[in-house]
Amino acid sequence: MKIECKKINRTLLVKLYGEIDHHFTEDIRDKIDREFNKQGCQNIILDFENVGFMDSSGIGMIIGRYKMAQDKGGKAYAYGLKDNAKRIFDMSGLNKLISCFETKEEAINSI
């Protein structure tokens, strides 16, 4: 699992690569939290374009990042979800908490 973070104004854009499963969620969480706080961000956008698989352990990781942004008065967004991740978002209700978009531009423009 590889992660790239980029600050855009007060928003942390997180590009995720590979699989989000119980082997990687703790590392993902730690890296995102560290960068979010270091950069002084308020919102978070999760880029799922390069995520091939996500299991239920990703739900907790995502909800935690949603709460982290909410605690700063911000919001969490996601884009580029493939079928597997989209199904988990729908079944778990994540799509009711986190606004999901097709493209990065749509996510950025919604802030």
C-alpha atoms as a PDB file:
ATOM      1  CA  MET A   1       0.000   0.000   0.000  1.00  0.00           C
ATOM      2  CA  LYS A   2       1.356   3.356  -1.059  1.00  0.00           C
ATOM      3  CA  ILE A   3      -0.013   6.756  -0.039  1.00  0.00           C
ATOM      4  CA  GLU A   4       0.702  10.214  -1.430  1.00  0.00           C
ATOM      5  CA  CYS A   5      -0.536  13.326   0.352  1.00  0.00           C
ATOM      6  CA  LYS A   6      -0.829  16.811  -1.060  1.00  0.00           C
ATOM      7  CA  LYS A   7      -2.212  19.933   0.599  1.00  0.00           C
ATOM      8  CA  ILE A   8      -4.623  22.077  -1.423  1.00  0.00           C
ATOM      9  CA  ASN A   9      -5.553  25.151   0.630  1.00  0.00           C
ATOM     10  CA  ARG A  10      -6.890  23.624   3.880  1.00  0.00           C
ATOM     11  CA  THR A  11      -7.639  20.252   2.304  1.00  0.00           C
ATOM     12  CA  LEU A  12      -5.477  17.148   2.366  1.00  0.00           C
ATOM     13  CA  LEU A  13      -5.716  15.152  -0.864  1.00  0.00           C
ATOM     14  CA  VAL A  14      -4.778  11.530  -0.161  1.00  0.00           C
ATOM     15  CA  LYS A  15      -3.979   9.265  -3.130  1.00  0.00           C
ATOM     16  CA  LEU A  16      -4.307   5.637  -2.123  1.00  0.00           C
ATOM     17  CA  TYR A  17      -2.708   2.796  -4.076  1.00  0.00           C
ATOM     18  CA  GLY A  18      -3.212  -0.951  -3.815  1.00  0.00           C
ATOM     19  CA  GLU A  19      -5.435  -2.694  -1.303  1.00  0.00           C
ATOM     20  CA  ILE A  20      -7.103  -1.347   1.811  1.00  0.00           C
ATOM     21  CA  ASP A  21      -7.371  -4.309   4.145  1.00  0.00           C
ATOM     22  CA  HIS A  22      -6.569  -5.285   7.722  1.00  0.00           C
ATOM     23  CA  HIS A  23      -2.865  -5.574   6.849  1.00  0.00           C
ATOM     24  CA  PHE A  24      -2.570  -1.882   5.933  1.00  0.00           C
ATOM     25  CA  THR A  25      -5.328   0.136   7.662  1.00  0.00           C
ATOM     26  CA  GLU A  26      -3.242   1.043  10.713  1.00  0.00           C
ATOM     27  CA  ASP A  27      -0.375   2.346   8.556  1.00  0.00           C
ATOM     28  CA  ILE A  28      -2.799   4.263   6.347  1.00  0.00           C
ATOM     29  CA  ARG A  29      -4.476   5.804   9.390  1.00  0.00           C
ATOM     30  CA  ASP A  30      -1.172   6.848  10.970  1.00  0.00           C
ATOM     31  CA  LYS A  31       0.208   8.414   7.783  1.00  0.00           C
ATOM     32  CA  ILE A  32      -2.975  10.337   7.010  1.00  0.00           C
ATOM     33  CA  ASP A  33      -3.404  11.594  10.589  1.00  0.00           C
ATOM     34  CA  ARG A  34       0.211  12.699  10.835  1.00  0.00           C
ATOM     35  CA  GLU A  35       0.061  14.612   7.532  1.00  0.00           C
ATOM     36  CA  PHE A  36      -3.398  16.086   8.228  1.00  0.00           C
ATOM     37  CA  ASN A  37      -2.252  17.547  11.546  1.00  0.00           C
ATOM     38  CA  LYS A  38       1.210  18.592  10.324  1.00  0.00           C
ATOM     39  CA  GLN A  39      -0.290  20.502   7.386  1.00  0.00           C
ATOM     40  CA  GLY A  40      -3.042  22.110   9.511  1.00  0.00           C
ATOM     41  CA  CYS A  41      -5.817  20.816   7.259  1.00  0.00           C
ATOM     42  CA  GLN A  42      -9.561  21.009   7.761  1.00  0.00           C
ATOM     43  CA  ASN A  43     -10.945  18.789   4.970  1.00  0.00           C
ATOM     44  CA  ILE A  44      -9.829  15.494   3.501  1.00  0.00           C
ATOM     45  CA  ILE A  45     -10.297  14.035   0.036  1.00  0.00           C
ATOM     46  CA  LEU A  46      -9.601  10.323  -0.438  1.00  0.00           C
ATOM     47  CA  ASP A  47      -8.600   9.288  -3.956  1.00  0.00           C
ATOM     48  CA  PHE A  48      -9.650   5.695  -4.682  1.00  0.00           C
ATOM     49  CA  GLU A  49      -8.712   5.656  -8.385  1.00  0.00           C
ATOM     50  CA  ASN A  50      -5.824   3.243  -7.777  1.00  0.00           C
ATOM     51  CA  VAL A  51      -7.443   1.070  -5.102  1.00  0.00           C
ATOM     52  CA  GLY A  52      -8.230  -2.380  -6.428  1.00  0.00           C
ATOM     53  CA  PHE A  53      -9.724  -3.848  -3.264  1.00  0.00           C
ATOM     54  CA  MET A  54     -11.100  -2.713   0.090  1.00  0.00           C
ATOM     55  CA  ASP A  55     -12.432  -4.911   2.870  1.00  0.00           C
ATOM     56  CA  SER A  56     -14.518  -4.029   5.913  1.00  0.00           C
ATOM     57  CA  SER A  57     -11.462  -2.907   7.910  1.00  0.00           C
ATOM     58  CA  GLY A  58     -11.314   0.101   5.594  1.00  0.00           C
ATOM     59  CA  ILE A  59     -14.697   1.268   6.899  1.00  0.00           C
ATOM     60  CA  GLY A  60     -13.329   2.056  10.359  1.00  0.00           C
ATOM     61  CA  MET A  61     -10.279   3.773   8.925  1.00  0.00           C
ATOM     62  CA  ILE A  62     -12.463   5.969   6.706  1.00  0.00           C
ATOM     63  CA  ILE A  63     -14.937   6.817   9.489  1.00  0.00           C
ATOM     64  CA  GLY A  64     -12.013   7.855  11.680  1.00  0.00           C
ATOM     65  CA  ARG A  65     -10.728  10.235   9.004  1.00  0.00           C
ATOM     66  CA  TYR A  66     -14.275  11.603   8.582  1.00  0.00           C
ATOM     67  CA  LYS A  67     -14.445  12.302  12.341  1.00  0.00           C
ATOM     68  CA  MET A  68     -10.972  13.873  12.297  1.00  0.00           C
ATOM     69  CA  ALA A  69     -12.061  16.339   9.607  1.00  0.00           C
ATOM     70  CA  GLN A  70     -15.377  16.960  11.372  1.00  0.00           C
ATOM     71  CA  ASP A  71     -13.518  17.806  14.613  1.00  0.00           C
ATOM     72  CA  LYS A  72     -11.709  20.576  12.689  1.00  0.00           C
ATOM     73  CA  GLY A  73     -15.003  21.895  11.265  1.00  0.00           C
ATOM     74  CA  GLY A  74     -14.325  20.245   7.915  1.00  0.00           C
ATOM     75  CA  LYS A  75     -15.674  17.448   5.760  1.00  0.00           C
ATOM     76  CA  ALA A  76     -14.474  14.266   4.119  1.00  0.00           C
ATOM     77  CA  TYR A  77     -14.844  13.463   0.429  1.00  0.00           C
ATOM     78  CA  ALA A  78     -13.954  10.544  -1.817  1.00  0.00           C
ATOM     79  CA  TYR A  79     -13.661  10.022  -5.552  1.00  0.00           C
ATOM     80  CA  GLY A  80     -12.726   7.395  -8.093  1.00  0.00           C
ATOM     81  CA  LEU A  81     -14.340   4.466  -6.297  1.00  0.00           C
ATOM     82  CA  LYS A  82     -14.245   1.193  -8.206  1.00  0.00           C
ATOM     83  CA  ASP A  83     -16.992  -1.442  -7.917  1.00  0.00           C
ATOM     84  CA  ASN A  84     -15.601  -3.156  -4.793  1.00  0.00           C
ATOM     85  CA  ALA A  85     -15.104   0.062  -2.803  1.00  0.00           C
ATOM     86  CA  LYS A  86     -18.365   1.547  -4.080  1.00  0.00           C
ATOM     87  CA  ARG A  87     -20.251  -1.553  -2.890  1.00  0.00           C
ATOM     88  CA  ILE A  88     -18.686  -1.293   0.590  1.00  0.00           C
ATOM     89  CA  PHE A  89     -19.507   2.423   0.765  1.00  0.00           C
ATOM     90  CA  ASP A  90     -23.128   1.660  -0.166  1.00  0.00           C
ATOM     91  CA  MET A  91     -23.609  -1.368   2.111  1.00  0.00           C
ATOM     92  CA  SER A  92     -22.004   0.301   5.155  1.00  0.00           C
ATOM     93  CA  GLY A  93     -23.675   3.679   4.714  1.00  0.00           C
ATOM     94  CA  LEU A  94     -20.344   5.502   4.267  1.00  0.00           C
ATOM     95  CA  ASN A  95     -21.839   7.239   1.245  1.00  0.00           C
ATOM     96  CA  LYS A  96     -24.268   8.992   3.628  1.00  0.00           C
ATOM     97  CA  LEU A  97     -21.367  10.466   5.638  1.00  0.00           C
ATOM     98  CA  ILE A  98     -18.852  11.109   2.884  1.00  0.00           C
ATOM     99  CA  SER A  99     -19.676  12.826  -0.390  1.00  0.00           C
ATOM    100  CA  CYS A 100     -18.510  10.641  -3.279  1.00  0.00           C
ATOM    101  CA  PHE A 101     -17.567  11.920  -6.715  1.00  0.00           C
ATOM    102  CA  GLU A 102     -16.368  10.517 -10.011  1.00  0.00           C
ATOM    103  CA  THR A 103     -13.404  12.898 -10.447  1.00  0.00           C
ATOM    104  CA  LYS A 104     -10.894  14.864  -8.405  1.00  0.00           C
ATOM    105  CA  GLU A 105     -12.151  18.117  -9.932  1.00  0.00           C
ATOM    106  CA  GLU A 106     -15.718  17.415  -8.799  1.00  0.00           C
ATOM    107  CA  ALA A 107     -14.508  16.663  -5.254  1.00  0.00           C
ATOM    108  CA  ILE A 108     -12.334  19.788  -5.052  1.00  0.00           C
ATOM    109  CA  ASN A 109     -15.053  22.023  -6.479  1.00  0.00           C
ATOM    110  CA  SER A 110     -17.570  20.766  -3.911  1.00  0.00           C
ATOM    111  CA  ILE A 111     -15.583  22.117  -0.955  1.00  0.00           C
END
